[in-house]
């Protein structure tokens, strides 16, 4: 143990370093940036719209008393939800293709810094000045 103005510290804790061991590496690359739609969101909304359309279409006509309204709605929902998901996916794909026309090419810079050699934290996790 060493003396630190009357306070002793255990020797098992390494001293934090404040100097950089290595310089951060920088890589440059050309990247393409565009706003792309999230196709699964279009599919979910299309399925909901298909279900609502099926609900409206089923409720417009009288239901067979032997089958019931819920069974008819469930059966026709198979078709309505499937068609809605398909239409939603097609709309998402069309918008995705359209967004490819608005691609911007930019230069990106990536820095890799090793946090352990930067001396930003002590073993206790406090920041140094």
N, C-alpha and C. Protein backbone atom coordinates (compact mmCIF):
# COMPACT_ATOMS: atom_id res chain seq x y z
N UNK A 1 0.84 -1.17 0.00
CA UNK A 1 0.00 0.00 0.00
C UNK A 1 0.88 1.24 0.00
N UNK A 2 0.40 2.24 -0.72
CA UNK A 2 1.17 3.47 -0.75
C UNK A 2 0.41 4.57 -0.05
N UNK A 3 1.13 5.57 0.34
CA UNK A 3 0.56 6.67 1.10
C UNK A 3 0.02 7.73 0.14
N UNK A 4 -1.22 8.20 0.41
CA UNK A 4 -1.84 9.22 -0.42
C UNK A 4 -2.43 10.28 0.50
N UNK A 5 -1.59 11.16 0.99
CA UNK A 5 -1.97 12.22 1.91
C UNK A 5 -2.73 11.68 3.12
N UNK A 6 -2.21 10.65 3.70
CA UNK A 6 -2.80 10.09 4.91
C UNK A 6 -3.87 9.06 4.64
N UNK A 7 -4.26 8.85 3.38
CA UNK A 7 -5.28 7.85 3.04
C UNK A 7 -4.60 6.75 2.24
N UNK A 8 -4.81 5.52 2.63
CA UNK A 8 -4.19 4.41 1.91
C UNK A 8 -5.19 3.82 0.94
N UNK A 9 -4.70 3.36 -0.21
CA UNK A 9 -5.53 2.73 -1.23
C UNK A 9 -5.05 1.30 -1.41
N UNK A 10 -5.95 0.39 -1.70
CA UNK A 10 -5.51 -0.98 -1.99
C UNK A 10 -4.70 -1.00 -3.28
N UNK A 11 -3.69 -1.85 -3.31
CA UNK A 11 -2.81 -1.89 -4.48
C UNK A 11 -3.40 -2.71 -5.63
N UNK A 12 -4.51 -3.38 -5.42
CA UNK A 12 -5.10 -4.21 -6.47
C UNK A 12 -5.84 -3.41 -7.53
N UNK A 13 -6.16 -2.13 -7.26
CA UNK A 13 -6.89 -1.31 -8.21
C UNK A 13 -5.88 -0.60 -9.10
N UNK A 14 -5.97 -0.80 -10.42
CA UNK A 14 -5.01 -0.13 -11.31
C UNK A 14 -5.29 1.36 -11.39
N UNK A 15 -4.24 2.12 -11.60
CA UNK A 15 -4.35 3.56 -11.75
C UNK A 15 -4.92 3.89 -13.13
N UNK A 16 -5.91 4.79 -13.19
CA UNK A 16 -6.44 5.17 -14.50
C UNK A 16 -5.44 6.02 -15.25
N UNK A 17 -5.43 5.85 -16.56
CA UNK A 17 -4.52 6.63 -17.39
C UNK A 17 -5.29 7.76 -18.03
N UNK A 18 -4.63 8.90 -18.18
CA UNK A 18 -5.28 10.05 -18.80
C UNK A 18 -4.70 10.35 -20.17
N UNK A 19 -3.67 9.67 -20.56
CA UNK A 19 -3.07 9.91 -21.87
C UNK A 19 -3.58 8.86 -22.85
N UNK A 20 -3.65 9.23 -24.09
CA UNK A 20 -4.11 8.30 -25.12
C UNK A 20 -3.01 7.33 -25.47
N UNK A 21 -3.40 6.07 -25.48
CA UNK A 21 -2.44 5.03 -25.85
C UNK A 21 -2.32 4.95 -27.37
N UNK A 22 -3.46 5.03 -28.05
CA UNK A 22 -3.46 4.97 -29.51
C UNK A 22 -4.39 6.06 -30.03
N UNK A 23 -4.12 6.52 -31.21
CA UNK A 23 -4.98 7.50 -31.86
C UNK A 23 -6.19 6.78 -32.45
N UNK A 24 -7.34 7.42 -32.47
CA UNK A 24 -8.51 6.78 -33.07
C UNK A 24 -8.30 6.61 -34.57
N UNK A 25 -8.76 5.50 -35.09
CA UNK A 25 -8.65 5.25 -36.52
C UNK A 25 -9.88 5.82 -37.22
N UNK A 26 -9.66 6.43 -38.36
CA UNK A 26 -10.74 7.05 -39.11
C UNK A 26 -10.84 6.38 -40.47
N UNK A 27 -12.07 6.01 -40.82
CA UNK A 27 -12.33 5.41 -42.12
C UNK A 27 -13.34 6.29 -42.85
N UNK A 28 -13.13 6.53 -44.12
CA UNK A 28 -14.07 7.30 -44.93
C UNK A 28 -14.71 6.38 -45.95
N UNK A 29 -16.00 6.62 -46.17
CA UNK A 29 -16.73 5.82 -47.14
C UNK A 29 -17.82 6.68 -47.77
N UNK A 30 -18.21 6.34 -48.97
CA UNK A 30 -19.31 6.99 -49.65
C UNK A 30 -20.57 6.16 -49.40
N UNK A 31 -21.60 6.79 -48.87
CA UNK A 31 -22.84 6.08 -48.55
C UNK A 31 -24.01 6.75 -49.25
N UNK A 32 -25.06 5.95 -49.45
CA UNK A 32 -26.29 6.46 -50.05
C UNK A 32 -27.35 6.55 -48.96
N UNK A 33 -28.01 7.70 -48.89
CA UNK A 33 -29.01 7.94 -47.86
C UNK A 33 -30.35 8.20 -48.53
N UNK A 34 -31.40 7.54 -48.02
CA UNK A 34 -32.75 7.77 -48.55
C UNK A 34 -33.75 7.45 -47.46
N UNK A 35 -34.94 7.98 -47.61
CA UNK A 35 -36.03 7.69 -46.68
C UNK A 35 -36.80 6.52 -47.26
N UNK A 36 -36.73 5.38 -46.59
CA UNK A 36 -37.42 4.19 -47.07
C UNK A 36 -38.61 3.89 -46.16
N UNK A 37 -39.75 3.52 -46.74
CA UNK A 37 -40.91 3.18 -45.92
C UNK A 37 -40.72 1.84 -45.24
N UNK A 38 -41.39 1.68 -44.10
CA UNK A 38 -41.36 0.40 -43.38
C UNK A 38 -42.51 -0.45 -43.90
N UNK A 39 -42.19 -1.42 -44.72
CA UNK A 39 -43.20 -2.23 -45.39
C UNK A 39 -44.06 -3.01 -44.40
N UNK A 40 -43.51 -3.58 -43.30
CA UNK A 40 -44.40 -4.28 -42.36
C UNK A 40 -45.49 -3.38 -41.77
N UNK A 41 -45.21 -2.10 -41.60
CA UNK A 41 -46.23 -1.18 -41.09
C UNK A 41 -47.36 -1.04 -42.11
N UNK A 42 -47.03 -0.97 -43.38
CA UNK A 42 -48.05 -0.91 -44.42
C UNK A 42 -48.88 -2.19 -44.45
N UNK A 43 -48.24 -3.31 -44.21
CA UNK A 43 -48.96 -4.59 -44.22
C UNK A 43 -49.93 -4.68 -43.04
N UNK A 44 -49.51 -4.21 -41.87
CA UNK A 44 -50.39 -4.25 -40.69
C UNK A 44 -51.59 -3.33 -40.89
N UNK A 45 -51.34 -2.11 -41.38
CA UNK A 45 -52.45 -1.18 -41.62
C UNK A 45 -53.37 -1.74 -42.70
N UNK A 46 -52.80 -2.35 -43.72
CA UNK A 46 -53.63 -2.96 -44.77
C UNK A 46 -54.49 -4.09 -44.22
N UNK A 47 -53.94 -4.89 -43.32
CA UNK A 47 -54.73 -5.96 -42.70
C UNK A 47 -55.86 -5.41 -41.86
N UNK A 48 -55.60 -4.32 -41.12
CA UNK A 48 -56.68 -3.70 -40.32
C UNK A 48 -57.77 -3.11 -41.21
N UNK A 49 -57.38 -2.45 -42.29
CA UNK A 49 -58.35 -1.90 -43.22
C UNK A 49 -59.15 -3.03 -43.88
N UNK A 50 -58.48 -4.14 -44.20
CA UNK A 50 -59.18 -5.29 -44.77
C UNK A 50 -60.20 -5.89 -43.80
N UNK A 51 -59.83 -5.93 -42.51
CA UNK A 51 -60.77 -6.43 -41.51
C UNK A 51 -61.96 -5.50 -41.36
N UNK A 52 -61.71 -4.19 -41.32
CA UNK A 52 -62.82 -3.23 -41.22
C UNK A 52 -63.73 -3.30 -42.44
N UNK A 53 -63.15 -3.45 -43.60
CA UNK A 53 -63.96 -3.61 -44.82
C UNK A 53 -64.80 -4.86 -44.77
N UNK A 54 -64.24 -5.94 -44.26
CA UNK A 54 -64.98 -7.19 -44.12
C UNK A 54 -66.11 -7.03 -43.10
N UNK A 55 -65.84 -6.34 -42.00
CA UNK A 55 -66.85 -6.11 -40.97
C UNK A 55 -68.02 -5.31 -41.55
N UNK A 56 -67.72 -4.27 -42.31
CA UNK A 56 -68.78 -3.46 -42.91
C UNK A 56 -69.56 -4.27 -43.94
N UNK A 57 -68.85 -5.00 -44.81
CA UNK A 57 -69.53 -5.79 -45.84
C UNK A 57 -70.38 -6.91 -45.24
N UNK A 58 -69.92 -7.52 -44.18
CA UNK A 58 -70.68 -8.60 -43.55
C UNK A 58 -71.91 -8.06 -42.83
N UNK A 59 -71.80 -6.89 -42.24
CA UNK A 59 -72.94 -6.35 -41.49
C UNK A 59 -74.00 -5.73 -42.40
N UNK A 60 -73.68 -5.47 -43.66
CA UNK A 60 -74.67 -4.91 -44.59
C UNK A 60 -75.74 -5.92 -44.98
N UNK A 61 -75.43 -7.19 -44.96
CA UNK A 61 -76.36 -8.23 -45.38
C UNK A 61 -76.81 -9.04 -44.17
N UNK A 62 -78.01 -9.56 -44.21
CA UNK A 62 -78.48 -10.36 -43.06
C UNK A 62 -77.69 -11.67 -42.95
N UNK A 63 -77.41 -12.06 -41.72
CA UNK A 63 -76.64 -13.29 -41.49
C UNK A 63 -77.58 -14.49 -41.46
N UNK A 64 -77.08 -15.64 -41.89
CA UNK A 64 -77.84 -16.89 -41.83
C UNK A 64 -77.98 -17.29 -40.37
N UNK A 65 -79.20 -17.53 -39.88
CA UNK A 65 -79.36 -17.86 -38.47
C UNK A 65 -78.69 -19.18 -38.07
N UNK A 66 -78.51 -20.08 -38.99
CA UNK A 66 -77.87 -21.36 -38.66
C UNK A 66 -76.36 -21.20 -38.49
N UNK A 67 -75.79 -20.21 -39.17
CA UNK A 67 -74.33 -20.03 -39.11
C UNK A 67 -73.97 -18.97 -38.08
N UNK A 68 -74.62 -17.83 -38.11
CA UNK A 68 -74.35 -16.75 -37.17
C UNK A 68 -73.42 -15.71 -37.76
N UNK A 69 -73.50 -14.50 -37.16
CA UNK A 69 -72.72 -13.37 -37.66
C UNK A 69 -71.22 -13.55 -37.41
N UNK A 70 -70.86 -14.03 -36.21
CA UNK A 70 -69.44 -14.16 -35.86
C UNK A 70 -68.73 -15.16 -36.76
N UNK A 71 -69.39 -16.26 -37.10
CA UNK A 71 -68.77 -17.26 -37.97
C UNK A 71 -68.59 -16.70 -39.38
N UNK A 72 -69.58 -15.96 -39.87
CA UNK A 72 -69.45 -15.35 -41.20
C UNK A 72 -68.33 -14.31 -41.21
N UNK A 73 -68.28 -13.49 -40.16
CA UNK A 73 -67.23 -12.48 -40.09
C UNK A 73 -65.85 -13.14 -40.04
N UNK A 74 -65.69 -14.19 -39.27
CA UNK A 74 -64.41 -14.90 -39.20
C UNK A 74 -64.02 -15.52 -40.52
N UNK A 75 -65.00 -16.13 -41.20
CA UNK A 75 -64.70 -16.77 -42.48
C UNK A 75 -64.30 -15.74 -43.53
N UNK A 76 -65.09 -14.67 -43.66
CA UNK A 76 -64.79 -13.67 -44.68
C UNK A 76 -63.58 -12.81 -44.31
N UNK A 77 -63.24 -12.77 -43.02
CA UNK A 77 -62.04 -12.04 -42.61
C UNK A 77 -60.78 -12.69 -43.16
N UNK A 78 -60.82 -14.00 -43.35
CA UNK A 78 -59.66 -14.67 -43.97
C UNK A 78 -59.34 -14.05 -45.32
N UNK A 79 -60.37 -13.75 -46.08
CA UNK A 79 -60.17 -13.14 -47.40
C UNK A 79 -59.87 -11.64 -47.28
N UNK A 80 -60.62 -10.94 -46.44
CA UNK A 80 -60.46 -9.49 -46.33
C UNK A 80 -59.10 -9.09 -45.77
N UNK A 81 -58.66 -9.77 -44.70
CA UNK A 81 -57.36 -9.44 -44.09
C UNK A 81 -56.23 -9.79 -45.06
N UNK A 82 -56.34 -10.94 -45.72
CA UNK A 82 -55.31 -11.34 -46.68
C UNK A 82 -55.20 -10.34 -47.83
N UNK A 83 -56.34 -9.91 -48.36
CA UNK A 83 -56.33 -8.93 -49.45
C UNK A 83 -55.77 -7.59 -48.95
N UNK A 84 -56.12 -7.19 -47.73
CA UNK A 84 -55.61 -5.93 -47.18
C UNK A 84 -54.11 -5.96 -46.98
N UNK A 85 -53.59 -7.08 -46.48
CA UNK A 85 -52.13 -7.21 -46.29
C UNK A 85 -51.43 -7.17 -47.64
N UNK A 86 -52.01 -7.82 -48.64
CA UNK A 86 -51.42 -7.83 -49.98
C UNK A 86 -51.40 -6.42 -50.58
N UNK A 87 -52.51 -5.70 -50.46
CA UNK A 87 -52.57 -4.34 -51.00
C UNK A 87 -51.60 -3.43 -50.24
N UNK A 88 -51.53 -3.58 -48.91
CA UNK A 88 -50.59 -2.79 -48.13
C UNK A 88 -49.14 -3.05 -48.52
N UNK A 89 -48.81 -4.32 -48.77
CA UNK A 89 -47.45 -4.66 -49.19
C UNK A 89 -47.13 -4.07 -50.56
N UNK A 90 -48.10 -4.12 -51.46
CA UNK A 90 -47.88 -3.56 -52.80
C UNK A 90 -47.67 -2.05 -52.72
N UNK A 91 -48.47 -1.37 -51.89
CA UNK A 91 -48.30 0.08 -51.74
C UNK A 91 -46.93 0.39 -51.12
N UNK A 92 -46.51 -0.40 -50.13
CA UNK A 92 -45.19 -0.19 -49.52
C UNK A 92 -44.06 -0.40 -50.50
N UNK A 93 -44.17 -1.41 -51.35
CA UNK A 93 -43.13 -1.69 -52.34
C UNK A 93 -43.07 -0.58 -53.39
N UNK A 94 -44.25 -0.09 -53.82
CA UNK A 94 -44.27 1.00 -54.80
C UNK A 94 -43.62 2.26 -54.20
N UNK A 95 -43.94 2.57 -52.96
CA UNK A 95 -43.32 3.73 -52.32
C UNK A 95 -41.82 3.53 -52.10
N UNK A 96 -41.40 2.29 -51.84
CA UNK A 96 -39.98 2.01 -51.69
C UNK A 96 -39.24 2.23 -53.00
N UNK A 97 -39.82 1.78 -54.09
CA UNK A 97 -39.19 1.98 -55.40
C UNK A 97 -39.13 3.47 -55.74
N UNK A 98 -40.17 4.17 -55.36
CA UNK A 98 -40.22 5.61 -55.64
C UNK A 98 -39.17 6.36 -54.82
N UNK A 99 -38.91 5.89 -53.60
CA UNK A 99 -37.92 6.58 -52.76
C UNK A 99 -36.50 6.35 -53.26
N UNK A 100 -36.29 5.34 -54.07
CA UNK A 100 -34.94 5.10 -54.60
C UNK A 100 -34.53 6.17 -55.61
N UNK A 101 -35.49 6.91 -56.13
CA UNK A 101 -35.17 7.98 -57.06
C UNK A 101 -34.60 9.20 -56.34
N UNK A 102 -34.86 9.29 -55.03
CA UNK A 102 -34.41 10.44 -54.25
C UNK A 102 -33.20 10.11 -53.39
N UNK A 103 -32.33 9.28 -53.89
CA UNK A 103 -31.14 8.87 -53.14
C UNK A 103 -30.12 10.00 -53.16
N UNK A 104 -29.55 10.28 -51.98
CA UNK A 104 -28.46 11.26 -51.88
C UNK A 104 -27.18 10.51 -51.55
N UNK A 105 -26.10 10.88 -52.19
CA UNK A 105 -24.80 10.28 -51.92
C UNK A 105 -24.00 11.23 -51.04
N UNK A 106 -23.56 10.71 -49.89
CA UNK A 106 -22.80 11.51 -48.93
C UNK A 106 -21.51 10.81 -48.57
N UNK A 107 -20.59 11.58 -48.02
CA UNK A 107 -19.34 11.02 -47.53
C UNK A 107 -19.45 10.86 -46.02
N UNK A 108 -19.24 9.65 -45.53
CA UNK A 108 -19.35 9.37 -44.10
C UNK A 108 -17.96 9.09 -43.53
N UNK A 109 -17.80 9.45 -42.27
CA UNK A 109 -16.54 9.24 -41.58
C UNK A 109 -16.83 8.41 -40.33
N UNK A 110 -16.08 7.34 -40.16
CA UNK A 110 -16.27 6.45 -39.01
C UNK A 110 -15.00 6.45 -38.18
N UNK A 111 -15.14 6.72 -36.88
CA UNK A 111 -14.00 6.70 -35.98
C UNK A 111 -14.15 5.55 -35.02
N UNK A 112 -13.07 4.80 -34.85
CA UNK A 112 -13.03 3.70 -33.90
C UNK A 112 -12.13 4.12 -32.76
N UNK A 113 -12.68 4.22 -31.56
CA UNK A 113 -11.93 4.65 -30.38
C UNK A 113 -12.07 3.57 -29.33
N UNK A 114 -10.95 3.15 -28.78
CA UNK A 114 -10.96 2.16 -27.72
C UNK A 114 -11.17 2.88 -26.40
N UNK A 115 -12.31 2.65 -25.75
CA UNK A 115 -12.65 3.36 -24.52
C UNK A 115 -11.72 3.00 -23.37
N UNK A 116 -11.17 1.79 -23.35
CA UNK A 116 -10.29 1.38 -22.26
C UNK A 116 -8.98 2.16 -22.28
N UNK A 117 -8.50 2.56 -23.45
CA UNK A 117 -7.24 3.29 -23.53
C UNK A 117 -7.44 4.79 -23.45
N UNK A 118 -8.68 5.26 -23.44
CA UNK A 118 -8.93 6.70 -23.41
C UNK A 118 -8.80 7.29 -22.02
N UNK A 119 -8.90 6.48 -20.96
CA UNK A 119 -8.78 7.01 -19.62
C UNK A 119 -9.98 7.83 -19.20
N UNK A 120 -11.15 7.54 -19.75
CA UNK A 120 -12.33 8.32 -19.42
C UNK A 120 -13.01 7.85 -18.14
N UNK A 121 -12.79 6.62 -17.76
CA UNK A 121 -13.43 6.11 -16.55
C UNK A 121 -12.40 5.50 -15.63
N UNK A 122 -12.67 5.59 -14.35
CA UNK A 122 -11.84 4.93 -13.36
C UNK A 122 -12.46 3.56 -13.08
N UNK A 123 -11.79 2.70 -12.35
CA UNK A 123 -12.38 1.40 -12.06
C UNK A 123 -13.71 1.51 -11.31
N UNK A 124 -13.94 2.61 -10.59
CA UNK A 124 -15.20 2.78 -9.90
C UNK A 124 -16.29 3.31 -10.81
N UNK A 125 -15.96 3.76 -12.03
CA UNK A 125 -16.92 4.23 -12.99
C UNK A 125 -17.16 5.73 -12.95
N UNK A 126 -16.30 6.50 -12.34
CA UNK A 126 -16.47 7.94 -12.28
C UNK A 126 -15.66 8.59 -13.40
N UNK A 127 -16.16 9.72 -13.89
CA UNK A 127 -15.45 10.44 -14.94
C UNK A 127 -14.31 11.24 -14.34
N UNK A 128 -13.21 11.33 -15.10
CA UNK A 128 -12.07 12.13 -14.67
C UNK A 128 -12.08 13.47 -15.39
N UNK A 129 -11.47 14.47 -14.79
CA UNK A 129 -11.33 15.78 -15.43
C UNK A 129 -10.05 15.84 -16.20
